[in-house]
Amino acid sequence: MTDEDRLRALVAAVADGTPVDWQRAESGAQTDEERAVIRQLRLIATLSELSRSDEARTRSMRPPRHRAVRPPAPMPDQWGPLRLREPAG
């Protein structure tokens, strides 16, 4: 498996919310650059998990409301050194 394949697998796991063994992923990194990307993916996974749990908790605490549907905000195409080449997840 190439470095790019390993990173793609991590991105897919983060997008799906699949648990990742981050220590194993970092220890398998071949370069400092790859390790840095893995650390940033871990941060994204942590933020995503916090967002999901906070959203679920907030939703369970309030009565349902009807509100106008707004179009989603545009997604950024770059986060740090990572560049989105195509939609993930």
Protein backbone atom coordinates (compact mmCIF):
# COMPACT_ATOMS: atom_id res chain seq x y z
CA MET A 1 0.00 0.00 0.00
CA THR A 2 1.46 3.38 -1.00
CA ASP A 3 1.57 6.47 1.19
CA GLU A 4 -1.20 7.96 -0.90
CA ASP A 5 -3.35 4.84 -0.48
CA ARG A 6 -2.89 4.94 3.32
CA LEU A 7 -3.87 8.60 3.40
CA ARG A 8 -6.91 7.95 1.18
CA ALA A 9 -8.01 5.17 3.53
CA LEU A 10 -7.68 7.52 6.51
CA VAL A 11 -9.67 10.24 4.71
CA ALA A 12 -12.41 7.70 3.93
CA ALA A 13 -12.50 6.54 7.55
CA VAL A 14 -12.76 10.12 8.81
CA ALA A 15 -15.53 10.87 6.31
CA ASP A 16 -17.47 7.75 7.37
CA GLY A 17 -16.90 8.28 11.09
CA THR A 18 -15.06 4.94 11.29
CA PRO A 19 -12.71 4.67 14.29
CA VAL A 20 -9.02 4.98 13.42
CA ASP A 21 -5.97 3.74 15.33
CA TRP A 22 -4.17 7.07 15.13
CA GLN A 23 -1.01 5.89 16.89
CA ARG A 24 -0.63 3.09 14.38
CA ALA A 25 -1.33 5.45 11.49
CA GLU A 26 1.29 7.94 12.70
CA SER A 27 3.90 5.29 13.41
CA GLY A 28 3.42 3.92 9.88
CA ALA A 29 4.07 7.31 8.29
CA GLN A 30 7.18 7.35 6.11
CA THR A 31 7.88 11.11 6.20
CA ASP A 32 7.38 14.08 8.50
CA GLU A 33 5.04 15.54 5.89
CA GLU A 34 2.86 12.43 5.93
CA ARG A 35 2.86 12.48 9.76
CA ALA A 36 1.73 16.12 9.68
CA VAL A 37 -1.15 15.26 7.32
CA ILE A 38 -2.19 12.39 9.60
CA ARG A 39 -2.20 14.74 12.60
CA GLN A 40 -4.43 17.16 10.72
CA LEU A 41 -6.77 14.33 9.70
CA ARG A 42 -6.93 13.33 13.37
CA LEU A 43 -7.91 16.88 14.26
CA ILE A 44 -10.62 16.86 11.59
CA ALA A 45 -11.91 13.52 12.94
CA THR A 46 -11.99 14.90 16.49
CA LEU A 47 -13.84 18.04 15.41
CA SER A 48 -16.28 15.97 13.39
CA GLU A 49 -16.96 13.67 16.35
CA LEU A 50 -17.51 16.64 18.66
CA SER A 51 -19.83 18.23 16.14
CA ARG A 52 -21.87 15.03 15.72
CA SER A 53 -22.22 14.46 19.47
CA ASP A 54 -23.04 18.12 20.14
CA GLU A 55 -25.62 18.17 17.34
CA ALA A 56 -27.29 15.00 18.64
CA ARG A 57 -27.38 16.35 22.20
CA THR A 58 -28.77 19.71 21.09
CA ARG A 59 -31.39 18.04 18.91
CA SER A 60 -32.60 15.86 21.77
CA MET A 61 -32.94 18.85 24.12
CA ARG A 62 -35.20 21.06 22.04
CA PRO A 63 -38.61 20.56 20.52
CA PRO A 64 -38.69 20.25 16.74
CA ARG A 65 -39.09 23.54 14.89
CA HIS A 66 -40.05 24.23 11.35
CA ARG A 67 -37.66 26.56 9.67
CA ALA A 68 -36.94 27.67 6.18
CA VAL A 69 -34.48 25.52 4.30
CA ARG A 70 -31.33 27.40 3.43
CA PRO A 71 -28.83 26.30 0.84
CA PRO A 72 -25.69 24.89 2.44
CA ALA A 73 -22.73 27.21 2.86
CA PRO A 74 -20.00 26.68 0.29
CA MET A 75 -17.35 24.23 1.44
CA PRO A 76 -13.76 25.45 1.57
CA ASP A 77 -11.49 23.81 -0.96
CA GLN A 78 -8.39 24.00 1.22
CA TRP A 79 -7.63 23.35 4.90
CA GLY A 80 -4.04 24.02 5.88
CA PRO A 81 -1.81 22.18 3.42
CA LEU A 82 -4.69 19.88 2.42
CA ARG A 83 -6.50 20.65 -0.81
CA LEU A 84 -9.89 19.14 -1.67
CA ARG A 85 -9.65 17.69 -5.17
CA GLU A 86 -13.07 16.09 -5.15
CA PRO A 87 -15.90 15.66 -2.62
CA ALA A 88 -15.12 13.13 0.09
CA GLY A 89 -17.72 11.06 1.88
